[in-house]
Amino acid sequence: MDEPTKYFEIQLPSRLGSEKIAMETAADLARSMGFDEERIEYLKMAVAEACINAMEHGNKLDETLPVGVILSMSPNSLEVRVVDTGPGPQGRAAAPDIDRKMHEQEQARGMGMFLIESLVDEAEWGSTPRDGSYARMVIRLKPAKD
């Protein structure tokens, strides 16, 4: 019989810097599950980026609006859902042109979704009228074979 999924939920103020709480919570859970340190670092970067996006874009840095972080542990993966009050991404941005960004031909910002997708095994974004928008990330204990 499979071990039941365990859930943890935290609420953060939309204040830059509070993403560190979510990063460390996710890292502690991943460590307890047996993730290797490299994958934990990837997870921390993805969670931080998702939280900062939620604070800046979703909640417009309004500290009275919370960012919810729901962590769901299963035997072989950790899912992190970051929720804010905004409408969610409007369409899908093109992949960033790193060379143009490095040569300051494009704004340095705007790489969050691309970065998250490159760090975790699954990533999706969505929204519901009642609950606001979310970023959902899944990182597996062992990466899928190429």
N, C-alpha and C. Protein backbone atom coordinates (compact mmCIF):
# COMPACT_ATOMS: atom_id res chain seq x y z
N MET A 1 0.84 -1.18 0.00
CA MET A 1 0.00 0.00 0.00
C MET A 1 0.88 1.24 0.00
N ASP A 2 0.56 2.22 -0.88
CA ASP A 2 1.34 3.44 -0.98
C ASP A 2 1.19 4.30 0.27
N GLU A 3 2.26 4.97 0.59
CA GLU A 3 2.24 5.91 1.72
C GLU A 3 1.36 7.09 1.32
N PRO A 4 0.51 7.58 2.22
CA PRO A 4 -0.36 8.71 1.87
C PRO A 4 0.47 9.98 1.64
N THR A 5 -0.07 10.86 0.81
CA THR A 5 0.57 12.14 0.56
C THR A 5 0.45 13.01 1.81
N LYS A 6 1.52 13.71 2.13
CA LYS A 6 1.52 14.63 3.27
C LYS A 6 1.54 16.05 2.74
N TYR A 7 0.74 16.93 3.36
CA TYR A 7 0.61 18.31 2.92
C TYR A 7 1.10 19.26 4.01
N PHE A 8 1.71 20.33 3.56
CA PHE A 8 2.09 21.43 4.44
C PHE A 8 1.70 22.70 3.72
N GLU A 9 1.21 23.66 4.47
CA GLU A 9 0.81 24.92 3.85
C GLU A 9 1.34 26.06 4.69
N ILE A 10 1.89 27.07 4.00
CA ILE A 10 2.34 28.27 4.68
C ILE A 10 1.79 29.49 3.93
N GLN A 11 1.62 30.57 4.64
CA GLN A 11 1.17 31.83 4.07
C GLN A 11 2.27 32.85 4.27
N LEU A 12 2.66 33.51 3.20
CA LEU A 12 3.72 34.51 3.25
C LEU A 12 3.14 35.88 2.94
N PRO A 13 3.68 36.93 3.55
CA PRO A 13 3.29 38.26 3.12
C PRO A 13 3.93 38.54 1.75
N SER A 14 3.33 39.41 0.98
CA SER A 14 3.90 39.77 -0.33
C SER A 14 5.02 40.79 -0.12
N ARG A 15 6.04 40.36 0.57
CA ARG A 15 7.19 41.19 0.89
C ARG A 15 8.44 40.47 0.41
N LEU A 16 9.20 41.11 -0.48
CA LEU A 16 10.42 40.48 -0.97
C LEU A 16 11.31 40.10 0.20
N GLY A 17 11.82 38.91 0.16
CA GLY A 17 12.63 38.36 1.25
C GLY A 17 11.90 37.23 1.95
N SER A 18 10.56 37.30 1.97
CA SER A 18 9.82 36.23 2.65
C SER A 18 9.81 34.93 1.84
N GLU A 19 10.22 35.00 0.58
CA GLU A 19 10.33 33.77 -0.23
C GLU A 19 11.34 32.80 0.39
N LYS A 20 12.27 33.33 1.19
CA LYS A 20 13.29 32.47 1.82
C LYS A 20 12.66 31.45 2.76
N ILE A 21 11.53 31.81 3.37
CA ILE A 21 10.83 30.87 4.25
C ILE A 21 10.34 29.67 3.44
N ALA A 22 9.75 29.95 2.28
CA ALA A 22 9.26 28.86 1.42
C ALA A 22 10.43 28.04 0.88
N MET A 23 11.51 28.70 0.49
CA MET A 23 12.69 27.98 -0.02
C MET A 23 13.22 27.00 1.01
N GLU A 24 13.40 27.47 2.24
CA GLU A 24 13.99 26.62 3.27
C GLU A 24 13.04 25.51 3.71
N THR A 25 11.74 25.81 3.72
CA THR A 25 10.76 24.77 4.06
C THR A 25 10.79 23.67 3.01
N ALA A 26 10.78 24.05 1.73
CA ALA A 26 10.85 23.06 0.65
C ALA A 26 12.15 22.27 0.72
N ALA A 27 13.25 22.95 0.99
CA ALA A 27 14.56 22.27 1.08
C ALA A 27 14.57 21.27 2.23
N ASP A 28 14.03 21.66 3.38
CA ASP A 28 14.00 20.74 4.53
C ASP A 28 13.17 19.51 4.22
N LEU A 29 12.01 19.70 3.58
CA LEU A 29 11.18 18.55 3.23
C LEU A 29 11.89 17.65 2.22
N ALA A 30 12.49 18.25 1.20
CA ALA A 30 13.21 17.47 0.18
C ALA A 30 14.37 16.69 0.81
N ARG A 31 15.06 17.33 1.71
CA ARG A 31 16.18 16.66 2.40
C ARG A 31 15.67 15.46 3.19
N SER A 32 14.54 15.64 3.88
CA SER A 32 13.98 14.54 4.67
C SER A 32 13.51 13.39 3.79
N MET A 33 13.22 13.68 2.52
CA MET A 33 12.77 12.66 1.58
C MET A 33 13.92 11.95 0.88
N GLY A 34 15.14 12.47 1.05
CA GLY A 34 16.31 11.84 0.44
C GLY A 34 16.77 12.45 -0.87
N PHE A 35 16.30 13.65 -1.20
CA PHE A 35 16.78 14.33 -2.41
C PHE A 35 18.26 14.63 -2.28
N ASP A 36 18.99 14.59 -3.41
CA ASP A 36 20.41 14.98 -3.34
C ASP A 36 20.49 16.51 -3.33
N GLU A 37 21.64 17.01 -2.89
CA GLU A 37 21.79 18.46 -2.68
C GLU A 37 21.65 19.27 -3.97
N GLU A 38 22.07 18.73 -5.10
CA GLU A 38 21.93 19.47 -6.35
C GLU A 38 20.46 19.69 -6.68
N ARG A 39 19.65 18.66 -6.54
CA ARG A 39 18.22 18.79 -6.83
C ARG A 39 17.54 19.72 -5.81
N ILE A 40 18.02 19.69 -4.57
CA ILE A 40 17.48 20.61 -3.56
C ILE A 40 17.77 22.06 -3.95
N GLU A 41 18.96 22.32 -4.45
CA GLU A 41 19.29 23.69 -4.89
C GLU A 41 18.40 24.11 -6.05
N TYR A 42 18.14 23.21 -7.00
CA TYR A 42 17.23 23.51 -8.11
C TYR A 42 15.85 23.86 -7.56
N LEU A 43 15.38 23.04 -6.63
CA LEU A 43 14.07 23.25 -6.02
C LEU A 43 14.01 24.61 -5.35
N LYS A 44 15.02 24.95 -4.58
CA LYS A 44 15.04 26.24 -3.87
C LYS A 44 14.96 27.40 -4.86
N MET A 45 15.72 27.33 -5.95
CA MET A 45 15.69 28.41 -6.94
C MET A 45 14.30 28.53 -7.58
N ALA A 46 13.70 27.40 -7.92
CA ALA A 46 12.38 27.41 -8.55
C ALA A 46 11.33 27.96 -7.60
N VAL A 47 11.35 27.54 -6.35
CA VAL A 47 10.38 28.02 -5.36
C VAL A 47 10.55 29.52 -5.13
N ALA A 48 11.79 29.97 -5.01
CA ALA A 48 12.04 31.40 -4.81
C ALA A 48 11.50 32.21 -5.98
N GLU A 49 11.78 31.76 -7.18
CA GLU A 49 11.32 32.48 -8.38
C GLU A 49 9.80 32.52 -8.44
N ALA A 50 9.15 31.40 -8.16
CA ALA A 50 7.68 31.37 -8.19
C ALA A 50 7.08 32.29 -7.13
N CYS A 51 7.67 32.30 -5.94
CA CYS A 51 7.16 33.18 -4.86
C CYS A 51 7.36 34.65 -5.22
N ILE A 52 8.52 34.99 -5.75
CA ILE A 52 8.77 36.39 -6.12
C ILE A 52 7.82 36.82 -7.23
N ASN A 53 7.59 35.94 -8.22
CA ASN A 53 6.62 36.26 -9.27
C ASN A 53 5.24 36.49 -8.69
N ALA A 54 4.83 35.64 -7.74
CA ALA A 54 3.52 35.79 -7.11
C ALA A 54 3.43 37.11 -6.35
N MET A 55 4.48 37.46 -5.64
CA MET A 55 4.47 38.72 -4.88
C MET A 55 4.42 39.93 -5.80
N GLU A 56 5.29 39.92 -6.83
CA GLU A 56 5.40 41.09 -7.71
C GLU A 56 4.25 41.19 -8.70
N HIS A 57 4.00 40.13 -9.44
CA HIS A 57 3.03 40.19 -10.53
C HIS A 57 1.60 39.90 -10.06
N GLY A 58 1.45 38.91 -9.21
CA GLY A 58 0.11 38.53 -8.76
C GLY A 58 -0.45 39.49 -7.73
N ASN A 59 0.33 39.76 -6.69
CA ASN A 59 -0.16 40.57 -5.57
C ASN A 59 0.34 42.01 -5.59
N LYS A 60 1.10 42.38 -6.61
CA LYS A 60 1.59 43.76 -6.79
C LYS A 60 2.29 44.30 -5.55
N LEU A 61 2.99 43.40 -4.84
CA LEU A 61 3.73 43.74 -3.62
C LEU A 61 2.85 44.36 -2.53
N ASP A 62 1.57 44.02 -2.55
CA ASP A 62 0.64 44.46 -1.50
C ASP A 62 0.80 43.50 -0.32
N GLU A 63 1.44 43.96 0.73
CA GLU A 63 1.75 43.09 1.87
C GLU A 63 0.52 42.57 2.60
N THR A 64 -0.63 43.15 2.33
CA THR A 64 -1.85 42.63 2.96
C THR A 64 -2.39 41.40 2.22
N LEU A 65 -1.86 41.13 1.03
CA LEU A 65 -2.29 39.97 0.24
C LEU A 65 -1.28 38.84 0.42
N PRO A 66 -1.73 37.68 0.86
CA PRO A 66 -0.80 36.59 1.11
C PRO A 66 -0.43 35.82 -0.17
N VAL A 67 0.72 35.21 -0.10
CA VAL A 67 1.13 34.21 -1.09
C VAL A 67 1.05 32.88 -0.36
N GLY A 68 0.26 31.98 -0.90
CA GLY A 68 0.13 30.65 -0.31
C GLY A 68 1.13 29.70 -0.93
N VAL A 69 1.72 28.86 -0.12
CA VAL A 69 2.65 27.84 -0.60
C VAL A 69 2.19 26.51 -0.03
N ILE A 70 1.80 25.61 -0.92
CA ILE A 70 1.32 24.29 -0.51
C ILE A 70 2.33 23.26 -0.99
N LEU A 71 2.87 22.51 -0.06
CA LEU A 71 3.87 21.48 -0.37
C LEU A 71 3.23 20.12 -0.15
N SER A 72 3.29 19.27 -1.14
CA SER A 72 2.69 17.94 -1.08
C SER A 72 3.77 16.90 -1.33
N MET A 73 4.01 16.09 -0.31
CA MET A 73 5.03 15.05 -0.39
C MET A 73 4.36 13.73 -0.77
N SER A 74 4.93 13.05 -1.75
CA SER A 74 4.53 11.68 -2.06
C SER A 74 5.81 10.84 -2.02
N PRO A 75 5.72 9.54 -2.12
CA PRO A 75 6.94 8.73 -1.96
C PRO A 75 8.08 9.08 -2.91
N ASN A 76 7.77 9.54 -4.13
CA ASN A 76 8.83 9.78 -5.11
C ASN A 76 8.93 11.20 -5.63
N SER A 77 8.13 12.12 -5.08
CA SER A 77 8.17 13.48 -5.59
C SER A 77 7.67 14.48 -4.55
N LEU A 78 8.01 15.73 -4.82
CA LEU A 78 7.53 16.84 -4.01
C LEU A 78 6.87 17.83 -4.95
N GLU A 79 5.61 18.17 -4.67
CA GLU A 79 4.89 19.16 -5.45
C GLU A 79 4.79 20.43 -4.63
N VAL A 80 5.05 21.55 -5.28
CA VAL A 80 4.93 22.86 -4.64
C VAL A 80 3.98 23.70 -5.49
N ARG A 81 2.95 24.21 -4.85
CA ARG A 81 1.99 25.09 -5.52
C ARG A 81 2.09 26.44 -4.83
N VAL A 82 2.34 27.47 -5.62
CA VAL A 82 2.44 28.85 -5.12
C VAL A 82 1.23 29.60 -5.66
N VAL A 83 0.44 30.17 -4.74
CA VAL A 83 -0.85 30.77 -5.09
C VAL A 83 -0.85 32.26 -4.73
N ASP A 84 -1.40 33.08 -5.63
CA ASP A 84 -1.54 34.51 -5.36
C ASP A 84 -2.93 34.96 -5.77
N THR A 85 -3.22 36.24 -5.64
CA THR A 85 -4.56 36.76 -5.93
C THR A 85 -4.70 37.31 -7.34
N GLY A 86 -3.66 37.26 -8.13
CA GLY A 86 -3.69 37.86 -9.47
C GLY A 86 -4.41 37.00 -10.49
N PRO A 87 -4.51 37.54 -11.73
CA PRO A 87 -5.23 36.84 -12.79
C PRO A 87 -4.41 35.74 -13.47
N GLY A 88 -3.13 35.66 -13.18
CA GLY A 88 -2.29 34.64 -13.80
C GLY A 88 -1.67 35.15 -15.08
N PRO A 89 -0.76 34.35 -15.64
CA PRO A 89 -0.07 34.77 -16.87
C PRO A 89 -1.08 34.96 -18.01
N GLN A 90 -0.89 35.99 -18.77
CA GLN A 90 -1.74 36.27 -19.92
C GLN A 90 -1.02 35.78 -21.17
N GLY A 91 -1.26 34.54 -21.53
CA GLY A 91 -0.58 33.96 -22.68
C GLY A 91 0.77 33.38 -22.28
N ARG A 92 1.45 32.88 -23.25
CA ARG A 92 2.73 32.22 -23.01
C ARG A 92 3.84 33.04 -23.66
N ALA A 93 4.80 33.47 -22.87
CA ALA A 93 5.92 34.24 -23.41
C ALA A 93 6.85 33.32 -24.19
N ALA A 94 7.49 33.89 -25.18
CA ALA A 94 8.48 33.14 -25.95
C ALA A 94 9.70 32.87 -25.07
N ALA A 95 10.43 31.83 -25.40
CA ALA A 95 11.66 31.53 -24.66
C ALA A 95 12.60 32.73 -24.78
N PRO A 96 13.25 33.09 -23.69
CA PRO A 96 14.13 34.26 -23.74
C PRO A 96 15.35 34.01 -24.61
N ASP A 97 15.84 35.07 -25.21
CA ASP A 97 17.07 35.02 -26.00
C ASP A 97 18.21 35.44 -25.07
N ILE A 98 18.89 34.46 -24.52
CA ILE A 98 19.93 34.73 -23.52
C ILE A 98 21.02 35.63 -24.09
N ASP A 99 21.42 35.40 -25.33
CA ASP A 99 22.48 36.21 -25.94
C ASP A 99 22.06 37.68 -26.02
N ARG A 100 20.82 37.93 -26.43
CA ARG A 100 20.34 39.32 -26.50
C ARG A 100 20.27 39.95 -25.11
N LYS A 101 19.89 39.18 -24.11
CA LYS A 101 19.84 39.71 -22.75
C LYS A 101 21.24 40.04 -22.25
N MET A 102 22.20 39.15 -22.54
CA MET A 102 23.58 39.38 -22.09
C MET A 102 24.18 40.62 -22.74
N HIS A 103 23.77 40.93 -23.97
CA HIS A 103 24.30 42.09 -24.68
C HIS A 103 23.40 43.32 -24.51
N GLU A 104 22.49 43.23 -23.50
CA GLU A 104 21.61 44.33 -23.13
C GLU A 104 20.75 44.82 -24.28
N GLN A 105 20.43 43.90 -25.21
CA GLN A 105 19.52 44.23 -26.30
C GLN A 105 18.08 43.92 -25.90
N GLU A 106 17.91 43.20 -24.80
CA GLU A 106 16.60 42.92 -24.21
C GLU A 106 16.71 43.15 -22.72
N GLN A 107 15.58 43.44 -22.10
CA GLN A 107 15.53 43.62 -20.66
C GLN A 107 16.02 42.34 -19.97
N ALA A 108 16.80 42.47 -18.90
CA ALA A 108 17.34 41.31 -18.19
C ALA A 108 16.24 40.50 -17.52
N ARG A 109 15.16 41.14 -17.14
CA ARG A 109 14.06 40.44 -16.47
C ARG A 109 13.26 39.64 -17.47
N GLY A 110 12.28 38.88 -16.97
CA GLY A 110 11.39 38.15 -17.86
C GLY A 110 11.80 36.72 -18.15
N MET A 111 12.57 36.14 -17.25
CA MET A 111 13.03 34.77 -17.47
C MET A 111 12.48 33.80 -16.44
N GLY A 112 11.57 34.25 -15.57
CA GLY A 112 11.10 33.44 -14.45
C GLY A 112 10.50 32.10 -14.84
N MET A 113 9.54 32.12 -15.75
CA MET A 113 8.88 30.87 -16.13
C MET A 113 9.87 29.93 -16.82
N PHE A 114 10.69 30.48 -17.68
CA PHE A 114 11.70 29.69 -18.37
C PHE A 114 12.66 29.05 -17.36
N LEU A 115 13.09 29.83 -16.38
CA LEU A 115 14.01 29.33 -15.35
C LEU A 115 13.35 28.20 -14.55
N ILE A 116 12.12 28.41 -14.10
CA ILE A 116 11.41 27.39 -13.32
C ILE A 116 11.31 26.09 -14.12
N GLU A 117 10.90 26.19 -15.38
CA GLU A 117 10.76 25.00 -16.22
C GLU A 117 12.07 24.24 -16.37
N SER A 118 13.19 24.95 -16.36
CA SER A 118 14.48 24.29 -16.53
C SER A 118 14.98 23.63 -15.24
N LEU A 119 14.39 23.98 -14.10
CA LEU A 119 14.86 23.49 -12.82
C LEU A 119 14.07 22.31 -12.25
N VAL A 120 12.82 22.16 -12.66
CA VAL A 120 11.96 21.12 -12.09
C VAL A 120 11.51 20.14 -13.18
N ASP A 121 10.91 19.04 -12.77
CA ASP A 121 10.47 18.02 -13.72
C ASP A 121 9.15 18.36 -14.39
N GLU A 122 8.28 19.08 -13.71
CA GLU A 122 7.00 19.52 -14.26
C GLU A 122 6.74 20.93 -13.76
N ALA A 123 6.16 21.76 -14.63
CA ALA A 123 5.76 23.11 -14.22
C ALA A 123 4.52 23.49 -15.02
N GLU A 124 3.58 24.12 -14.33
CA GLU A 124 2.39 24.62 -15.01
C GLU A 124 1.90 25.87 -14.28
N TRP A 125 1.17 26.69 -15.03
CA TRP A 125 0.60 27.91 -14.49
C TRP A 125 -0.86 27.94 -14.85
N GLY A 126 -1.66 28.48 -13.96
CA GLY A 126 -3.08 28.57 -14.23
C GLY A 126 -3.75 29.53 -13.28
N SER A 127 -5.06 29.62 -13.42
CA SER A 127 -5.82 30.49 -12.53
C SER A 127 -7.27 30.02 -12.49
N THR A 128 -7.92 30.39 -11.40
CA THR A 128 -9.34 30.16 -11.27
C THR A 128 -9.95 31.46 -10.76
N PRO A 129 -11.17 31.78 -11.19
CA PRO A 129 -11.78 33.04 -10.75
C PRO A 129 -11.89 33.15 -9.23
N ARG A 130 -12.14 32.03 -8.57
CA ARG A 130 -12.33 32.06 -7.12
C ARG A 130 -11.02 32.11 -6.35
N ASP A 131 -10.01 31.38 -6.82
CA ASP A 131 -8.78 31.20 -6.03
C ASP A 131 -7.59 32.03 -6.48
N GLY A 132 -7.65 32.72 -7.58
CA GLY A 132 -6.50 33.47 -8.08
C GLY A 132 -5.63 32.60 -8.97
N SER A 133 -4.37 32.94 -9.06
CA SER A 133 -3.48 32.22 -9.97
C SER A 133 -2.50 31.36 -9.18
N TYR A 134 -1.88 30.42 -9.90
CA TYR A 134 -0.94 29.53 -9.25
C TYR A 134 0.18 29.11 -10.20
N ALA A 135 1.28 28.74 -9.59
CA ALA A 135 2.36 28.04 -10.28
C ALA A 135 2.47 26.70 -9.58
N ARG A 136 2.50 25.63 -10.35
CA ARG A 136 2.62 24.27 -9.79
C ARG A 136 3.91 23.67 -10.32
N MET A 137 4.74 23.20 -9.38
CA MET A 137 6.02 22.61 -9.73
C MET A 137 6.14 21.24 -9.10
N VAL A 138 6.69 20.30 -9.83
CA VAL A 138 6.94 18.96 -9.30
C VAL A 138 8.39 18.63 -9.55
N ILE A 139 9.05 18.16 -8.51
CA ILE A 139 10.41 17.67 -8.65
C ILE A 139 10.43 16.25 -8.11
N ARG A 140 10.98 15.36 -8.91
CA ARG A 140 11.02 13.95 -8.53
C ARG A 140 12.30 13.64 -7.78
N LEU A 141 12.21 12.64 -6.93
CA LEU A 141 13.36 12.21 -6.15
C LEU A 141 14.52 11.87 -7.08
N LYS A 142 14.23 11.15 -8.13
CA LYS A 142 15.23 10.81 -9.14
C LYS A 142 14.78 11.40 -10.47
N PRO A 143 15.67 12.11 -11.17
CA PRO A 143 15.25 12.70 -12.45
C PRO A 143 14.93 11.60 -13.47
N ALA A 144 14.02 11.93 -14.38
CA ALA A 144 13.67 10.99 -15.44
C ALA A 144 14.89 10.80 -16.35
N LYS A 145 15.05 9.62 -16.85
CA LYS A 145 16.16 9.35 -17.78
C LYS A 145 15.86 10.02 -19.10
N ASP A 146 16.91 10.56 -19.72
CA ASP A 146 16.75 11.22 -21.04
C ASP A 146 16.62 10.20 -22.14
